[in-house]
All heavy atoms as atom14 arrays in JSON, in Angstrom:
{
  "sequence": "WLQVPYYIVYDGEQDNFRVFELENNRYQEL",
  "atom14_mask": [
    [1, 1, 1, 1, 1, 1, 1, 1, 1, 1, 1, 1, 1, 1],
    [1, 1, 1, 1, 1, 1, 1, 1, 0, 0, 0, 0, 0, 0],
    [1, 1, 1, 1, 1, 1, 1, 1, 1, 0, 0, 0, 0, 0],
    [1, 1, 1, 1, 1, 1, 1, 0, 0, 0, 0, 0, 0, 0],
    [1, 1, 1, 1, 1, 1, 1, 0, 0, 0, 0, 0, 0, 0],
    [1, 1, 1, 1, 1, 1, 1, 1, 1, 1, 1, 1, 0, 0],
    [1, 1, 1, 1, 1, 1, 1, 1, 1, 1, 1, 1, 0, 0],
    [1, 1, 1, 1, 1, 1, 1, 1, 0, 0, 0, 0, 0, 0],
    [1, 1, 1, 1, 1, 1, 1, 0, 0, 0, 0, 0, 0, 0],
    [1, 1, 1, 1, 1, 1, 1, 1, 1, 1, 1, 1, 0, 0],
    [1, 1, 1, 1, 1, 1, 1, 1, 0, 0, 0, 0, 0, 0],
    [1, 1, 1, 1, 0, 0, 0, 0, 0, 0, 0, 0, 0, 0],
    [1, 1, 1, 1, 1, 1, 1, 1, 1, 0, 0, 0, 0, 0],
    [1, 1, 1, 1, 1, 1, 1, 1, 1, 0, 0, 0, 0, 0],
    [1, 1, 1, 1, 1, 1, 1, 1, 0, 0, 0, 0, 0, 0],
    [1, 1, 1, 1, 1, 1, 1, 1, 0, 0, 0, 0, 0, 0],
    [1, 1, 1, 1, 1, 1, 1, 1, 1, 1, 1, 0, 0, 0],
    [1, 1, 1, 1, 1, 1, 1, 1, 1, 1, 1, 0, 0, 0],
    [1, 1, 1, 1, 1, 1, 1, 0, 0, 0, 0, 0, 0, 0],
    [1, 1, 1, 1, 1, 1, 1, 1, 1, 1, 1, 0, 0, 0],
    [1, 1, 1, 1, 1, 1, 1, 1, 1, 0, 0, 0, 0, 0],
    [1, 1, 1, 1, 1, 1, 1, 1, 0, 0, 0, 0, 0, 0],
    [1, 1, 1, 1, 1, 1, 1, 1, 1, 0, 0, 0, 0, 0],
    [1, 1, 1, 1, 1, 1, 1, 1, 0, 0, 0, 0, 0, 0],
    [1, 1, 1, 1, 1, 1, 1, 1, 0, 0, 0, 0, 0, 0],
    [1, 1, 1, 1, 1, 1, 1, 1, 1, 1, 1, 0, 0, 0],
    [1, 1, 1, 1, 1, 1, 1, 1, 1, 1, 1, 1, 0, 0],
    [1, 1, 1, 1, 1, 1, 1, 1, 1, 0, 0, 0, 0, 0],
    [1, 1, 1, 1, 1, 1, 1, 1, 1, 0, 0, 0, 0, 0],
    [1, 1, 1, 1, 1, 1, 1, 1, 0, 0, 0, 0, 0, 0]
  ],
  "atom14_positions": [
    [[73.13, 80.75, 134.66], [72.08, 81.83, 134.57], [72.52, 82.98, 135.43], [72.37, 84.16, 134.88], [70.81, 81.27, 135.12], [70.17, 80.2, 134.18], [70.57, 78.92, 133.97], [68.93, 80.36, 133.35], [69.76, 78.3, 133.1], [68.8, 79.21, 132.68], [68.12, 81.46, 133.19], [67.67, 79.01, 131.82], [67.04, 81.3, 132.25], [66.85, 80.02, 131.68]],
    [[72.83, 82.88, 136.63], [73.18, 83.95, 137.58], [74.71, 84.29, 137.59], [75.03, 85.4, 138.01], [72.7, 83.62, 138.99], [71.22, 83.4, 139.14], [70.9, 82.94, 140.62], [70.48, 84.78, 138.85], [0.0, 0.0, 0.0], [0.0, 0.0, 0.0], [0.0, 0.0, 0.0], [0.0, 0.0, 0.0], [0.0, 0.0, 0.0], [0.0, 0.0, 0.0]],
    [[75.48, 83.3, 137.14], [76.91, 83.53, 137.19], [77.43, 84.09, 138.51], [78.08, 85.06, 138.57], [77.35, 84.52, 136.0], [77.0, 83.76, 134.59], [77.55, 84.55, 133.43], [77.2, 85.77, 133.36], [78.39, 83.87, 132.68], [0.0, 0.0, 0.0], [0.0, 0.0, 0.0], [0.0, 0.0, 0.0], [0.0, 0.0, 0.0], [0.0, 0.0, 0.0]],
    [[77.11, 83.41, 139.51], [77.59, 83.84, 140.89], [79.0, 83.53, 141.02], [79.52, 82.45, 140.93], [76.7, 82.98, 141.96], [77.2, 83.33, 143.35], [75.21, 83.17, 141.77], [0.0, 0.0, 0.0], [0.0, 0.0, 0.0], [0.0, 0.0, 0.0], [0.0, 0.0, 0.0], [0.0, 0.0, 0.0], [0.0, 0.0, 0.0], [0.0, 0.0, 0.0]],
    [[79.79, 84.62, 141.38], [81.24, 84.6, 141.44], [81.79, 83.36, 142.43], [82.67, 82.79, 141.99], [81.61, 85.95, 141.91], [80.59, 86.82, 141.38], [79.35, 86.01, 141.52], [0.0, 0.0, 0.0], [0.0, 0.0, 0.0], [0.0, 0.0, 0.0], [0.0, 0.0, 0.0], [0.0, 0.0, 0.0], [0.0, 0.0, 0.0], [0.0, 0.0, 0.0]],
    [[81.09, 83.28, 143.52], [81.56, 82.25, 144.49], [80.43, 81.42, 144.96], [79.38, 81.87, 145.46], [82.26, 82.96, 145.68], [83.58, 83.58, 145.37], [83.59, 84.88, 145.07], [84.78, 82.8, 145.36], [84.85, 85.53, 144.72], [85.99, 83.46, 144.97], [86.09, 84.82, 144.67], [87.2, 85.4, 144.46], [0.0, 0.0, 0.0], [0.0, 0.0, 0.0]],
    [[80.62, 80.08, 144.76], [79.56, 79.12, 145.22], [80.27, 78.2, 146.21], [81.37, 77.62, 145.89], [79.04, 78.35, 143.98], [78.1, 77.15, 144.43], [77.08, 77.48, 145.3], [78.23, 75.91, 143.86], [76.23, 76.37, 145.68], [77.44, 74.86, 144.2], [76.46, 75.09, 145.15], [75.57, 74.04, 145.52], [0.0, 0.0, 0.0], [0.0, 0.0, 0.0]],
    [[79.79, 78.09, 147.42], [80.33, 77.35, 148.53], [79.39, 76.29, 148.95], [78.23, 76.5, 149.22], [80.79, 78.3, 149.65], [81.89, 79.26, 149.08], [81.18, 77.59, 150.83], [82.09, 80.42, 150.04], [0.0, 0.0, 0.0], [0.0, 0.0, 0.0], [0.0, 0.0, 0.0], [0.0, 0.0, 0.0], [0.0, 0.0, 0.0], [0.0, 0.0, 0.0]],
    [[79.93, 75.1, 149.25], [79.15, 74.0, 149.84], [79.87, 73.64, 151.1], [81.09, 73.43, 151.13], [78.96, 72.8, 148.9], [78.04, 73.22, 147.72], [80.37, 72.3, 148.41], [0.0, 0.0, 0.0], [0.0, 0.0, 0.0], [0.0, 0.0, 0.0], [0.0, 0.0, 0.0], [0.0, 0.0, 0.0], [0.0, 0.0, 0.0], [0.0, 0.0, 0.0]],
    [[79.01, 73.53, 152.22], [79.53, 73.2, 153.49], [78.95, 71.88, 153.99], [77.78, 71.75, 154.16], [79.35, 74.29, 154.47], [79.79, 74.09, 155.9], [81.02, 73.46, 156.09], [79.08, 74.53, 156.97], [81.5, 73.17, 157.4], [79.44, 74.17, 158.32], [80.74, 73.57, 158.5], [81.08, 73.42, 159.77], [0.0, 0.0, 0.0], [0.0, 0.0, 0.0]],
    [[79.85, 70.97, 154.38], [79.4, 69.69, 154.92], [79.61, 69.81, 156.41], [80.73, 69.67, 156.95], [80.34, 68.59, 154.36], [79.84, 67.17, 154.77], [79.15, 67.08, 155.79], [80.08, 66.19, 154.03], [0.0, 0.0, 0.0], [0.0, 0.0, 0.0], [0.0, 0.0, 0.0], [0.0, 0.0, 0.0], [0.0, 0.0, 0.0], [0.0, 0.0, 0.0]],
    [[78.53, 70.03, 157.13], [78.63, 70.16, 158.53], [78.9, 68.92, 159.36], [79.2, 68.9, 160.54], [0.0, 0.0, 0.0], [0.0, 0.0, 0.0], [0.0, 0.0, 0.0], [0.0, 0.0, 0.0], [0.0, 0.0, 0.0], [0.0, 0.0, 0.0], [0.0, 0.0, 0.0], [0.0, 0.0, 0.0], [0.0, 0.0, 0.0], [0.0, 0.0, 0.0]],
    [[78.73, 67.76, 158.66], [79.01, 66.49, 159.41], [80.5, 66.2, 159.21], [81.11, 65.66, 160.15], [78.16, 65.41, 158.73], [76.64, 65.54, 159.05], [75.88, 64.32, 158.54], [76.6, 63.41, 157.92], [74.63, 64.33, 158.71], [0.0, 0.0, 0.0], [0.0, 0.0, 0.0], [0.0, 0.0, 0.0], [0.0, 0.0, 0.0], [0.0, 0.0, 0.0]],
    [[81.11, 66.49, 158.07], [82.51, 66.22, 157.83], [83.34, 67.5, 158.25], [84.59, 67.33, 158.23], [82.85, 65.92, 156.39], [82.11, 64.63, 155.91], [82.49, 63.38, 156.59], [83.66, 63.27, 156.92], [81.59, 62.51, 156.95], [0.0, 0.0, 0.0], [0.0, 0.0, 0.0], [0.0, 0.0, 0.0], [0.0, 0.0, 0.0], [0.0, 0.0, 0.0]],
    [[82.76, 68.52, 158.61], [83.4, 69.72, 159.01], [84.48, 70.26, 158.01], [85.62, 70.52, 158.31], [84.1, 69.47, 160.34], [83.17, 69.29, 161.52], [82.03, 69.81, 161.47], [83.49, 68.54, 162.42], [0.0, 0.0, 0.0], [0.0, 0.0, 0.0], [0.0, 0.0, 0.0], [0.0, 0.0, 0.0], [0.0, 0.0, 0.0], [0.0, 0.0, 0.0]],
    [[83.99, 70.43, 156.73], [84.78, 70.99, 155.8], [83.88, 71.76, 154.7], [82.75, 71.33, 154.59], [85.7, 70.05, 155.07], [84.93, 69.03, 154.29], [84.49, 69.26, 153.18], [84.83, 67.76, 154.79], [0.0, 0.0, 0.0], [0.0, 0.0, 0.0], [0.0, 0.0, 0.0], [0.0, 0.0, 0.0], [0.0, 0.0, 0.0], [0.0, 0.0, 0.0]],
    [[84.47, 72.68, 154.06], [83.65, 73.32, 153.05], [84.55, 73.37, 151.72], [85.74, 73.43, 151.79], [83.2, 74.8, 153.52], [84.29, 75.79, 153.56], [84.56, 76.67, 152.63], [84.9, 75.85, 154.82], [85.55, 77.66, 152.91], [85.86, 76.86, 155.04], [86.17, 77.75, 154.09], [0.0, 0.0, 0.0], [0.0, 0.0, 0.0], [0.0, 0.0, 0.0]],
    [[83.84, 73.5, 150.65], [84.47, 73.53, 149.32], [83.99, 74.77, 148.59], [82.87, 75.25, 148.76], [84.12, 72.33, 148.48], [84.57, 70.92, 149.06], [83.89, 69.77, 148.35], [84.4, 69.75, 146.94], [84.0, 68.81, 146.04], [83.03, 67.94, 146.46], [84.45, 68.81, 144.83], [0.0, 0.0, 0.0], [0.0, 0.0, 0.0], [0.0, 0.0, 0.0]],
    [[84.98, 75.38, 147.82], [84.7, 76.66, 147.2], [84.81, 76.45, 145.73], [85.85, 75.89, 145.2], [85.7, 77.68, 147.69], [85.43, 79.13, 147.05], [85.67, 77.81, 149.25], [0.0, 0.0, 0.0], [0.0, 0.0, 0.0], [0.0, 0.0, 0.0], [0.0, 0.0, 0.0], [0.0, 0.0, 0.0], [0.0, 0.0, 0.0], [0.0, 0.0, 0.0]],
    [[83.84, 77.05, 144.99], [83.96, 77.07, 143.53], [83.89, 78.51, 143.01], [82.96, 79.21, 143.35], [82.74, 76.16, 142.95], [82.82, 74.81, 143.38], [82.05, 74.37, 144.53], [83.47, 73.82, 142.66], [82.09, 73.09, 144.99], [83.48, 72.48, 143.04], [82.77, 72.12, 144.22], [0.0, 0.0, 0.0], [0.0, 0.0, 0.0], [0.0, 0.0, 0.0]],
    [[84.89, 78.87, 142.2], [84.98, 80.23, 141.72], [84.64, 80.21, 140.2], [85.12, 79.37, 139.48], [86.38, 80.8, 141.97], [86.49, 82.22, 141.5], [87.92, 82.77, 141.68], [88.8, 82.02, 141.92], [88.04, 84.05, 141.64], [0.0, 0.0, 0.0], [0.0, 0.0, 0.0], [0.0, 0.0, 0.0], [0.0, 0.0, 0.0], [0.0, 0.0, 0.0]],
    [[83.91, 81.24, 139.8], [83.5, 81.31, 138.39], [84.72, 81.84, 137.57], [85.13, 82.99, 137.79], [82.29, 82.29, 138.17], [81.54, 82.16, 136.94], [80.8, 80.84, 136.73], [80.59, 83.38, 136.77], [0.0, 0.0, 0.0], [0.0, 0.0, 0.0], [0.0, 0.0, 0.0], [0.0, 0.0, 0.0], [0.0, 0.0, 0.0], [0.0, 0.0, 0.0]],
    [[85.14, 81.01, 136.65], [86.25, 81.32, 135.64], [85.81, 80.96, 134.38], [85.54, 79.77, 134.08], [87.54, 80.64, 136.06], [88.17, 81.1, 137.45], [89.48, 80.6, 137.74], [89.98, 79.85, 136.81], [90.04, 80.79, 138.78], [0.0, 0.0, 0.0], [0.0, 0.0, 0.0], [0.0, 0.0, 0.0], [0.0, 0.0, 0.0], [0.0, 0.0, 0.0]],
    [[85.8, 81.94, 133.44], [85.41, 81.58, 132.02], [84.06, 81.04, 131.96], [83.81, 80.05, 131.16], [86.49, 80.75, 131.31], [87.88, 81.47, 131.24], [87.94, 82.63, 131.04], [88.88, 80.67, 131.49], [0.0, 0.0, 0.0], [0.0, 0.0, 0.0], [0.0, 0.0, 0.0], [0.0, 0.0, 0.0], [0.0, 0.0, 0.0], [0.0, 0.0, 0.0]],
    [[83.14, 81.53, 132.84], [81.75, 81.1, 132.88], [81.59, 79.66, 133.34], [80.57, 79.05, 133.08], [81.12, 81.23, 131.42], [81.01, 82.67, 131.0], [80.88, 83.57, 131.84], [81.28, 82.93, 129.72], [0.0, 0.0, 0.0], [0.0, 0.0, 0.0], [0.0, 0.0, 0.0], [0.0, 0.0, 0.0], [0.0, 0.0, 0.0], [0.0, 0.0, 0.0]],
    [[82.52, 79.04, 134.0], [82.5, 77.7, 134.52], [83.0, 77.73, 135.96], [83.93, 78.44, 136.2], [83.2, 76.79, 133.58], [82.53, 76.37, 132.34], [81.17, 75.62, 132.58], [80.49, 75.28, 131.35], [79.64, 75.96, 130.73], [79.31, 77.22, 131.28], [79.01, 75.6, 129.6], [0.0, 0.0, 0.0], [0.0, 0.0, 0.0], [0.0, 0.0, 0.0]],
    [[82.54, 76.89, 136.78], [83.03, 76.81, 138.16], [84.28, 75.96, 138.13], [84.32, 74.9, 137.61], [82.01, 76.28, 139.15], [80.96, 77.27, 139.66], [79.54, 76.9, 139.69], [81.37, 78.47, 139.95], [78.67, 77.82, 140.18], [80.4, 79.46, 140.49], [79.13, 79.09, 140.5], [78.17, 80.06, 140.88], [0.0, 0.0, 0.0], [0.0, 0.0, 0.0]],
    [[85.24, 76.53, 138.84], [86.49, 75.82, 139.12], [86.72, 75.7, 140.59], [86.63, 76.83, 141.31], [87.69, 76.52, 138.46], [87.66, 76.68, 136.89], [87.55, 75.34, 136.16], [88.2, 74.43, 136.65], [86.98, 75.36, 135.13], [0.0, 0.0, 0.0], [0.0, 0.0, 0.0], [0.0, 0.0, 0.0], [0.0, 0.0, 0.0], [0.0, 0.0, 0.0]],
    [[87.05, 74.55, 141.13], [87.28, 74.48, 142.58], [88.52, 75.14, 143.04], [89.57, 74.81, 142.38], [87.15, 73.01, 143.05], [87.18, 72.87, 144.54], [86.74, 71.45, 145.05], [86.58, 70.6, 144.14], [86.68, 71.23, 146.22], [0.0, 0.0, 0.0], [0.0, 0.0, 0.0], [0.0, 0.0, 0.0], [0.0, 0.0, 0.0], [0.0, 0.0, 0.0]],
    [[88.43, 75.89, 144.12], [89.6, 76.48, 144.68], [90.26, 75.64, 145.71], [89.61, 74.93, 146.39], [89.3, 77.89, 145.29], [88.92, 79.03, 144.3], [88.59, 80.22, 145.21], [89.93, 79.33, 143.29], [0.0, 0.0, 0.0], [0.0, 0.0, 0.0], [0.0, 0.0, 0.0], [0.0, 0.0, 0.0], [0.0, 0.0, 0.0], [0.0, 0.0, 0.0]]
  ]
}
């Protein structure tokens, strides 16, 4: 719906974050 270019999720307990970039209208993990 919004086609947000970068979607990030951060796990504060595991101390790491994952990045998903919009490519061809679908999120691909970087």
